[in-house]
């Protein structure tokens, strides 16, 4: 009887932990998608709501045209994102994400995924990683990195 009770408690504990992880993963995916949507809609205010605004925040990118960069600090990244949003040749359109891999460790997490998008009129697959921090109960992006 004791063994059955302990087995039931263990099973319930595992099920609750898995459900909590699934909920957090959904929240992480939601903030990643919100950052993309804000960029597509050219809403700097909405974009700012998805990031940590840290002076150590990092933005790393490699584009199909060979353009690449490594920008550190919220203010510098904000300037770059605003320039991209205001650019005459804004040719990015998100299509879908796949191959998600998310690891959560307390108030920090990382997510890797593939992103299918149209860039400069060509459909391409990007390899992406995000590192997030949970601040006041909300996941925020602290590292945004992608290679198209």
N, C-alpha and C. Protein backbone atom coordinates (compact mmCIF):
# COMPACT_ATOMS: atom_id res chain seq x y z
N UNK A 1 0.82 -1.19 0.00
CA UNK A 1 0.00 0.00 0.00
C UNK A 1 0.87 1.26 0.00
N UNK A 2 1.92 1.24 0.85
CA UNK A 2 2.81 2.41 0.91
C UNK A 2 3.48 2.63 -0.44
N UNK A 3 3.88 1.56 -1.10
CA UNK A 3 4.54 1.66 -2.39
C UNK A 3 3.60 2.27 -3.43
N UNK A 4 2.35 1.86 -3.42
CA UNK A 4 1.36 2.41 -4.35
C UNK A 4 1.15 3.89 -4.10
N UNK A 5 1.06 4.27 -2.83
CA UNK A 5 0.88 5.68 -2.48
C UNK A 5 2.07 6.51 -2.92
N UNK A 6 3.28 6.02 -2.63
CA UNK A 6 4.49 6.75 -3.02
C UNK A 6 4.61 6.85 -4.54
N UNK A 7 4.24 5.81 -5.25
CA UNK A 7 4.26 5.83 -6.71
C UNK A 7 3.28 6.88 -7.25
N UNK A 8 2.11 6.95 -6.65
CA UNK A 8 1.10 7.92 -7.08
C UNK A 8 1.59 9.35 -6.83
N UNK A 9 2.18 9.59 -5.66
CA UNK A 9 2.70 10.92 -5.33
C UNK A 9 3.82 11.30 -6.31
N UNK A 10 4.72 10.37 -6.57
CA UNK A 10 5.82 10.63 -7.51
C UNK A 10 5.28 10.94 -8.91
N UNK A 11 4.31 10.15 -9.37
CA UNK A 11 3.72 10.37 -10.69
C UNK A 11 3.08 11.75 -10.77
N UNK A 12 2.33 12.14 -9.75
CA UNK A 12 1.67 13.45 -9.74
C UNK A 12 2.69 14.59 -9.72
N UNK A 13 3.75 14.42 -8.95
CA UNK A 13 4.80 15.43 -8.87
C UNK A 13 5.46 15.63 -10.23
N UNK A 14 5.77 14.55 -10.90
CA UNK A 14 6.38 14.63 -12.24
C UNK A 14 5.42 15.29 -13.21
N UNK A 15 4.15 14.92 -13.17
CA UNK A 15 3.15 15.49 -14.09
C UNK A 15 3.01 16.99 -13.87
N UNK A 16 2.99 17.44 -12.61
CA UNK A 16 2.88 18.87 -12.30
C UNK A 16 4.12 19.61 -12.80
N UNK A 17 5.29 19.05 -12.58
CA UNK A 17 6.54 19.69 -13.03
C UNK A 17 6.58 19.80 -14.56
N UNK A 18 6.15 18.75 -15.24
CA UNK A 18 6.14 18.79 -16.70
C UNK A 18 5.15 19.83 -17.21
N UNK A 19 4.01 19.94 -16.57
CA UNK A 19 3.01 20.94 -16.96
C UNK A 19 3.56 22.35 -16.74
N UNK A 20 4.22 22.59 -15.62
CA UNK A 20 4.80 23.91 -15.34
C UNK A 20 5.86 24.26 -16.38
N UNK A 21 6.68 23.29 -16.76
CA UNK A 21 7.70 23.53 -17.79
C UNK A 21 7.04 23.85 -19.12
N UNK A 22 5.97 23.16 -19.47
CA UNK A 22 5.25 23.42 -20.72
C UNK A 22 4.66 24.83 -20.73
N UNK A 23 4.14 25.26 -19.62
CA UNK A 23 3.58 26.62 -19.51
C UNK A 23 4.69 27.65 -19.71
N UNK A 24 5.84 27.45 -19.07
CA UNK A 24 6.96 28.39 -19.21
C UNK A 24 7.49 28.39 -20.64
N UNK A 25 7.56 27.22 -21.26
CA UNK A 25 8.01 27.15 -22.66
C UNK A 25 7.07 27.93 -23.56
N UNK A 26 5.78 27.83 -23.32
CA UNK A 26 4.80 28.58 -24.11
C UNK A 26 5.00 30.08 -23.93
N UNK A 27 5.28 30.51 -22.72
CA UNK A 27 5.53 31.93 -22.45
C UNK A 27 6.79 32.40 -23.17
N UNK A 28 7.81 31.57 -23.19
CA UNK A 28 9.06 31.90 -23.88
C UNK A 28 8.81 32.05 -25.38
N UNK A 29 8.11 31.10 -25.96
CA UNK A 29 7.79 31.18 -27.39
C UNK A 29 6.97 32.44 -27.69
N UNK A 30 6.06 32.77 -26.79
CA UNK A 30 5.20 33.94 -26.99
C UNK A 30 6.02 35.22 -27.03
N UNK A 31 6.99 35.38 -26.14
CA UNK A 31 7.78 36.62 -26.14
C UNK A 31 8.70 36.67 -27.36
N UNK A 32 9.20 35.52 -27.81
CA UNK A 32 10.03 35.49 -29.02
C UNK A 32 9.19 35.91 -30.23
N UNK A 33 7.99 35.38 -30.34
CA UNK A 33 7.11 35.77 -31.44
C UNK A 33 6.71 37.24 -31.33
N UNK A 34 6.47 37.72 -30.12
CA UNK A 34 6.09 39.13 -29.92
C UNK A 34 7.21 40.06 -30.38
N UNK A 35 8.46 39.67 -30.15
CA UNK A 35 9.59 40.50 -30.60
C UNK A 35 9.59 40.58 -32.12
N UNK A 36 9.37 39.45 -32.79
CA UNK A 36 9.33 39.42 -34.25
C UNK A 36 8.17 40.25 -34.78
N UNK A 37 7.00 40.08 -34.19
CA UNK A 37 5.81 40.82 -34.62
C UNK A 37 6.02 42.32 -34.45
N UNK A 38 6.61 42.72 -33.34
CA UNK A 38 6.88 44.14 -33.11
C UNK A 38 7.81 44.70 -34.19
N UNK A 39 8.82 43.91 -34.55
CA UNK A 39 9.73 44.34 -35.61
C UNK A 39 8.99 44.47 -36.94
N UNK A 40 8.21 43.46 -37.30
CA UNK A 40 7.47 43.50 -38.57
C UNK A 40 6.51 44.69 -38.62
N UNK A 41 5.90 45.01 -37.49
CA UNK A 41 4.94 46.12 -37.43
C UNK A 41 5.64 47.46 -37.20
N UNK A 42 6.95 47.43 -37.11
CA UNK A 42 7.77 48.63 -36.89
C UNK A 42 7.34 49.39 -35.65
N UNK A 43 7.05 48.62 -34.58
CA UNK A 43 6.65 49.21 -33.31
C UNK A 43 7.79 49.10 -32.31
N UNK A 44 8.57 50.17 -32.21
CA UNK A 44 9.69 50.15 -31.28
C UNK A 44 9.20 49.98 -29.84
N UNK A 45 8.07 50.59 -29.52
CA UNK A 45 7.52 50.47 -28.16
C UNK A 45 7.19 49.02 -27.82
N UNK A 46 6.55 48.31 -28.73
CA UNK A 46 6.22 46.90 -28.50
C UNK A 46 7.50 46.07 -28.44
N UNK A 47 8.48 46.38 -29.30
CA UNK A 47 9.76 45.66 -29.29
C UNK A 47 10.44 45.84 -27.93
N UNK A 48 10.46 47.07 -27.42
CA UNK A 48 11.10 47.35 -26.13
C UNK A 48 10.48 46.54 -24.99
N UNK A 49 9.21 46.22 -25.10
CA UNK A 49 8.52 45.46 -24.06
C UNK A 49 8.98 44.00 -24.00
N UNK A 50 9.71 43.54 -25.03
CA UNK A 50 10.14 42.14 -25.08
C UNK A 50 11.57 41.92 -24.61
N UNK A 51 12.31 43.00 -24.35
CA UNK A 51 13.74 42.88 -24.04
C UNK A 51 14.06 43.37 -22.63
N UNK A 52 15.25 42.96 -22.15
CA UNK A 52 15.65 43.30 -20.78
C UNK A 52 16.04 44.76 -20.61
N UNK A 53 16.44 45.42 -21.68
CA UNK A 53 16.94 46.80 -21.64
C UNK A 53 18.23 46.91 -20.83
N UNK A 54 18.99 45.84 -20.79
CA UNK A 54 20.23 45.77 -20.03
C UNK A 54 21.40 46.37 -20.81
N UNK A 55 22.33 46.95 -20.09
CA UNK A 55 23.54 47.46 -20.74
C UNK A 55 24.44 46.32 -21.21
N UNK A 56 24.17 45.10 -20.76
CA UNK A 56 24.92 43.93 -21.20
C UNK A 56 24.19 43.13 -22.28
N UNK A 57 23.00 43.54 -22.62
CA UNK A 57 22.21 42.87 -23.64
C UNK A 57 23.04 42.74 -24.92
N UNK A 58 22.85 41.63 -25.67
CA UNK A 58 23.63 41.41 -26.89
C UNK A 58 22.72 41.09 -28.08
N UNK A 59 23.14 41.56 -29.23
CA UNK A 59 22.43 41.34 -30.50
C UNK A 59 23.48 40.92 -31.51
N UNK A 60 23.38 39.69 -32.01
CA UNK A 60 24.39 39.14 -32.91
C UNK A 60 23.67 38.64 -34.15
N UNK A 61 24.18 39.04 -35.32
CA UNK A 61 23.48 38.65 -36.54
C UNK A 61 24.45 38.38 -37.69
N UNK A 62 23.99 37.52 -38.59
CA UNK A 62 24.68 37.26 -39.84
C UNK A 62 23.63 37.14 -40.92
N UNK A 63 23.73 37.99 -41.94
CA UNK A 63 22.74 38.02 -43.00
C UNK A 63 23.25 37.36 -44.26
N UNK A 64 22.34 36.94 -45.11
CA UNK A 64 22.71 36.24 -46.34
C UNK A 64 23.60 37.08 -47.25
N UNK A 65 23.49 38.40 -47.17
CA UNK A 65 24.30 39.26 -48.02
C UNK A 65 25.73 39.45 -47.48
N UNK A 66 26.04 38.76 -46.39
CA UNK A 66 27.37 38.86 -45.79
C UNK A 66 27.47 39.89 -44.69
N UNK A 67 26.46 40.72 -44.52
CA UNK A 67 26.44 41.70 -43.45
C UNK A 67 26.31 40.97 -42.12
N UNK A 68 27.15 41.33 -41.17
CA UNK A 68 27.06 40.70 -39.86
C UNK A 68 27.46 41.72 -38.80
N UNK A 69 27.06 41.44 -37.58
CA UNK A 69 27.37 42.38 -36.52
C UNK A 69 27.21 41.77 -35.14
N UNK A 70 27.78 42.48 -34.19
CA UNK A 70 27.74 42.10 -32.78
C UNK A 70 27.60 43.41 -32.01
N UNK A 71 26.42 43.64 -31.47
CA UNK A 71 26.12 44.90 -30.81
C UNK A 71 25.81 44.61 -29.35
N UNK A 72 26.42 45.39 -28.47
CA UNK A 72 26.24 45.19 -27.03
C UNK A 72 25.58 46.43 -26.44
N UNK A 73 24.65 46.20 -25.52
CA UNK A 73 24.00 47.29 -24.79
C UNK A 73 22.67 47.68 -25.39
N UNK A 74 21.70 47.81 -24.52
CA UNK A 74 20.34 48.13 -24.95
C UNK A 74 20.28 49.37 -25.83
N UNK A 75 20.91 50.46 -25.43
CA UNK A 75 20.81 51.69 -26.21
C UNK A 75 21.37 51.52 -27.62
N UNK A 76 22.47 50.81 -27.75
CA UNK A 76 23.06 50.56 -29.07
C UNK A 76 22.16 49.66 -29.91
N UNK A 77 21.60 48.64 -29.29
CA UNK A 77 20.73 47.71 -30.00
C UNK A 77 19.44 48.42 -30.42
N UNK A 78 18.91 49.22 -29.54
CA UNK A 78 17.69 49.99 -29.86
C UNK A 78 17.93 50.87 -31.08
N UNK A 79 19.08 51.52 -31.14
CA UNK A 79 19.41 52.36 -32.30
C UNK A 79 19.46 51.54 -33.58
N UNK A 80 20.11 50.37 -33.53
CA UNK A 80 20.19 49.50 -34.71
C UNK A 80 18.80 49.04 -35.14
N UNK A 81 18.00 48.57 -34.20
CA UNK A 81 16.66 48.07 -34.51
C UNK A 81 15.82 49.21 -35.11
N UNK A 82 15.92 50.40 -34.55
CA UNK A 82 15.16 51.54 -35.08
C UNK A 82 15.61 51.86 -36.51
N UNK A 83 16.91 51.80 -36.77
CA UNK A 83 17.41 52.03 -38.13
C UNK A 83 16.85 50.98 -39.09
N UNK A 84 16.84 49.72 -38.65
CA UNK A 84 16.31 48.65 -39.50
C UNK A 84 14.81 48.84 -39.73
N UNK A 85 14.09 49.23 -38.70
CA UNK A 85 12.65 49.45 -38.84
C UNK A 85 12.36 50.59 -39.82
N UNK A 86 13.20 51.62 -39.79
CA UNK A 86 12.99 52.78 -40.63
C UNK A 86 13.62 52.65 -42.01
N UNK A 87 14.34 51.56 -42.23
CA UNK A 87 15.05 51.38 -43.50
C UNK A 87 14.13 51.29 -44.69
N UNK A 88 14.60 51.83 -45.80
CA UNK A 88 13.81 51.81 -47.03
C UNK A 88 13.69 50.40 -47.58
N UNK A 89 14.65 49.56 -47.28
CA UNK A 89 14.67 48.22 -47.86
C UNK A 89 14.32 47.15 -46.83
N UNK A 90 13.34 47.42 -45.99
CA UNK A 90 12.93 46.44 -44.99
C UNK A 90 12.21 45.31 -45.72
N UNK A 91 12.91 44.20 -45.90
CA UNK A 91 12.40 43.12 -46.74
C UNK A 91 12.19 41.82 -45.97
N UNK A 92 12.05 41.90 -44.66
CA UNK A 92 11.91 40.71 -43.83
C UNK A 92 10.43 40.38 -43.62
N UNK A 93 10.08 39.10 -43.80
CA UNK A 93 8.73 38.63 -43.49
C UNK A 93 8.83 37.24 -42.87
N UNK A 94 8.40 37.12 -41.64
CA UNK A 94 8.41 35.85 -40.91
C UNK A 94 7.37 34.90 -41.50
N UNK A 95 7.75 33.62 -41.64
CA UNK A 95 6.81 32.60 -42.12
C UNK A 95 6.50 31.57 -41.04
N UNK A 96 7.55 30.91 -40.49
CA UNK A 96 7.30 29.90 -39.46
C UNK A 96 8.58 29.57 -38.70
N UNK A 97 8.39 28.98 -37.52
CA UNK A 97 9.52 28.50 -36.71
C UNK A 97 9.35 27.01 -36.50
N UNK A 98 10.48 26.31 -36.40
CA UNK A 98 10.44 24.86 -36.18
C UNK A 98 11.67 24.44 -35.37
N UNK A 99 11.71 23.15 -35.04
CA UNK A 99 12.85 22.56 -34.34
C UNK A 99 13.20 23.29 -33.05
N UNK A 100 12.18 23.61 -32.27
CA UNK A 100 12.40 24.31 -31.00
C UNK A 100 13.19 23.43 -30.04
N UNK A 101 14.09 24.04 -29.30
CA UNK A 101 14.84 23.40 -28.23
C UNK A 101 14.96 24.44 -27.12
N UNK A 102 14.29 24.21 -26.02
CA UNK A 102 14.25 25.20 -24.93
C UNK A 102 14.74 24.56 -23.65
N UNK A 103 15.59 25.29 -22.95
CA UNK A 103 16.05 24.85 -21.63
C UNK A 103 15.83 25.98 -20.64
N UNK A 104 15.18 25.66 -19.54
CA UNK A 104 14.88 26.63 -18.49
C UNK A 104 15.67 26.25 -17.25
N UNK A 105 16.33 27.24 -16.66
CA UNK A 105 17.10 27.03 -15.44
C UNK A 105 16.80 28.21 -14.51
N UNK A 106 15.79 28.04 -13.68
CA UNK A 106 15.40 29.12 -12.77
C UNK A 106 14.84 30.30 -13.54
N UNK A 107 15.46 31.47 -13.35
CA UNK A 107 15.01 32.69 -14.01
C UNK A 107 15.74 32.97 -15.31
N UNK A 108 16.46 31.98 -15.83
CA UNK A 108 17.13 32.12 -17.11
C UNK A 108 16.73 30.95 -18.00
N UNK A 109 16.74 31.22 -19.29
CA UNK A 109 16.40 30.18 -20.26
C UNK A 109 17.06 30.50 -21.58
N UNK A 110 17.19 29.45 -22.39
CA UNK A 110 17.60 29.68 -23.77
C UNK A 110 16.71 28.87 -24.68
N UNK A 111 16.59 29.37 -25.90
CA UNK A 111 15.78 28.70 -26.90
C UNK A 111 16.53 28.73 -28.23
N UNK A 112 16.58 27.59 -28.91
CA UNK A 112 17.10 27.55 -30.27
C UNK A 112 15.96 27.10 -31.17
N UNK A 113 16.01 27.53 -32.41
CA UNK A 113 14.97 27.17 -33.37
C UNK A 113 15.44 27.54 -34.76
N UNK A 114 14.71 27.05 -35.74
CA UNK A 114 14.91 27.45 -37.13
C UNK A 114 13.76 28.37 -37.50
N UNK A 115 14.09 29.37 -38.27
CA UNK A 115 13.05 30.30 -38.71
C UNK A 115 13.04 30.40 -40.22
N UNK A 116 11.88 30.12 -40.78
CA UNK A 116 11.69 30.28 -42.22
C UNK A 116 11.14 31.69 -42.43
N UNK A 117 11.78 32.44 -43.32
CA UNK A 117 11.36 33.81 -43.56
C UNK A 117 11.66 34.18 -45.01
N UNK A 118 11.05 35.26 -45.43
CA UNK A 118 11.38 35.84 -46.73
C UNK A 118 12.27 37.04 -46.45
N UNK A 119 13.47 37.01 -46.99
CA UNK A 119 14.43 38.10 -46.82
C UNK A 119 14.86 38.52 -48.22
N UNK A 120 14.67 39.81 -48.52
CA UNK A 120 15.02 40.36 -49.83
C UNK A 120 14.39 39.55 -50.97
N UNK A 121 13.13 39.12 -50.75
CA UNK A 121 12.40 38.41 -51.78
C UNK A 121 12.70 36.93 -51.89
N UNK A 122 13.63 36.43 -51.09
CA UNK A 122 14.02 35.01 -51.16
C UNK A 122 13.60 34.30 -49.87
N UNK A 123 13.03 33.11 -50.02
CA UNK A 123 12.71 32.31 -48.85
C UNK A 123 14.00 31.68 -48.33
N UNK A 124 14.23 31.81 -47.04
CA UNK A 124 15.46 31.32 -46.43
C UNK A 124 15.16 30.73 -45.05
N UNK A 125 16.07 29.91 -44.56
CA UNK A 125 15.96 29.34 -43.22
C UNK A 125 17.07 29.93 -42.37
N UNK A 126 16.70 30.50 -41.25
CA UNK A 126 17.67 31.05 -40.32
C UNK A 126 17.84 30.14 -39.13
N UNK A 127 19.05 30.11 -38.59
CA UNK A 127 19.34 29.40 -37.34
C UNK A 127 19.37 30.47 -36.26
N UNK A 128 18.62 30.26 -35.18
CA UNK A 128 18.45 31.32 -34.20
C UNK A 128 18.62 30.80 -32.77
N UNK A 129 19.04 31.72 -31.91
CA UNK A 129 19.11 31.43 -30.47
C UNK A 129 18.68 32.68 -29.72
N UNK A 130 17.98 32.46 -28.64
CA UNK A 130 17.60 33.54 -27.73
C UNK A 130 17.96 33.10 -26.32
N UNK A 131 18.48 34.05 -25.56
CA UNK A 131 18.71 33.83 -24.13
C UNK A 131 17.79 34.82 -23.42
N UNK A 132 17.05 34.30 -22.46
CA UNK A 132 16.03 35.10 -21.78
C UNK A 132 16.28 35.14 -20.29
N UNK A 133 15.74 36.18 -19.67
CA UNK A 133 15.77 36.33 -18.22
C UNK A 133 14.34 36.62 -17.77
N UNK A 134 13.96 36.02 -16.66
CA UNK A 134 12.62 36.27 -16.11
C UNK A 134 12.74 37.42 -15.12
N UNK A 135 12.06 38.52 -15.45
CA UNK A 135 12.10 39.73 -14.64
C UNK A 135 10.67 40.06 -14.21
N UNK A 136 10.46 40.17 -12.91
CA UNK A 136 9.12 40.45 -12.38
C UNK A 136 8.07 39.51 -12.96
N UNK A 137 8.45 38.23 -13.09
CA UNK A 137 7.51 37.21 -13.56
C UNK A 137 7.32 37.14 -15.06
N UNK A 138 8.04 37.98 -15.83
CA UNK A 138 7.89 37.99 -17.29
C UNK A 138 9.22 37.67 -17.96
N UNK A 139 9.16 36.81 -18.98
CA UNK A 139 10.35 36.49 -19.75
C UNK A 139 10.70 37.65 -20.67
N UNK A 140 11.99 38.02 -20.66
CA UNK A 140 12.50 39.10 -21.50
C UNK A 140 13.74 38.60 -22.23
N UNK A 141 13.92 39.05 -23.45
CA UNK A 141 15.07 38.66 -24.26
C UNK A 141 16.30 39.45 -23.83
N UNK A 142 17.40 38.74 -23.62
CA UNK A 142 18.66 39.38 -23.24
C UNK A 142 19.73 39.19 -24.32
N UNK A 143 19.64 38.10 -25.07
CA UNK A 143 20.52 37.86 -26.21
C UNK A 143 19.64 37.44 -27.38
N UNK A 144 19.80 38.14 -28.48
CA UNK A 144 19.11 37.82 -29.72
C UNK A 144 20.20 37.54 -30.76
N UNK A 145 20.21 36.32 -31.30
CA UNK A 145 21.23 35.97 -32.28
C UNK A 145 20.61 35.17 -33.41
N UNK A 146 21.03 35.49 -34.63
CA UNK A 146 20.51 34.75 -35.80
C UNK A 146 21.49 34.80 -36.95
N UNK A 147 21.43 33.74 -37.75
CA UNK A 147 22.21 33.64 -38.97
C UNK A 147 21.26 33.23 -40.09
N UNK A 148 21.17 34.05 -41.12
CA UNK A 148 20.34 33.72 -42.29
C UNK A 148 21.23 33.43 -43.46
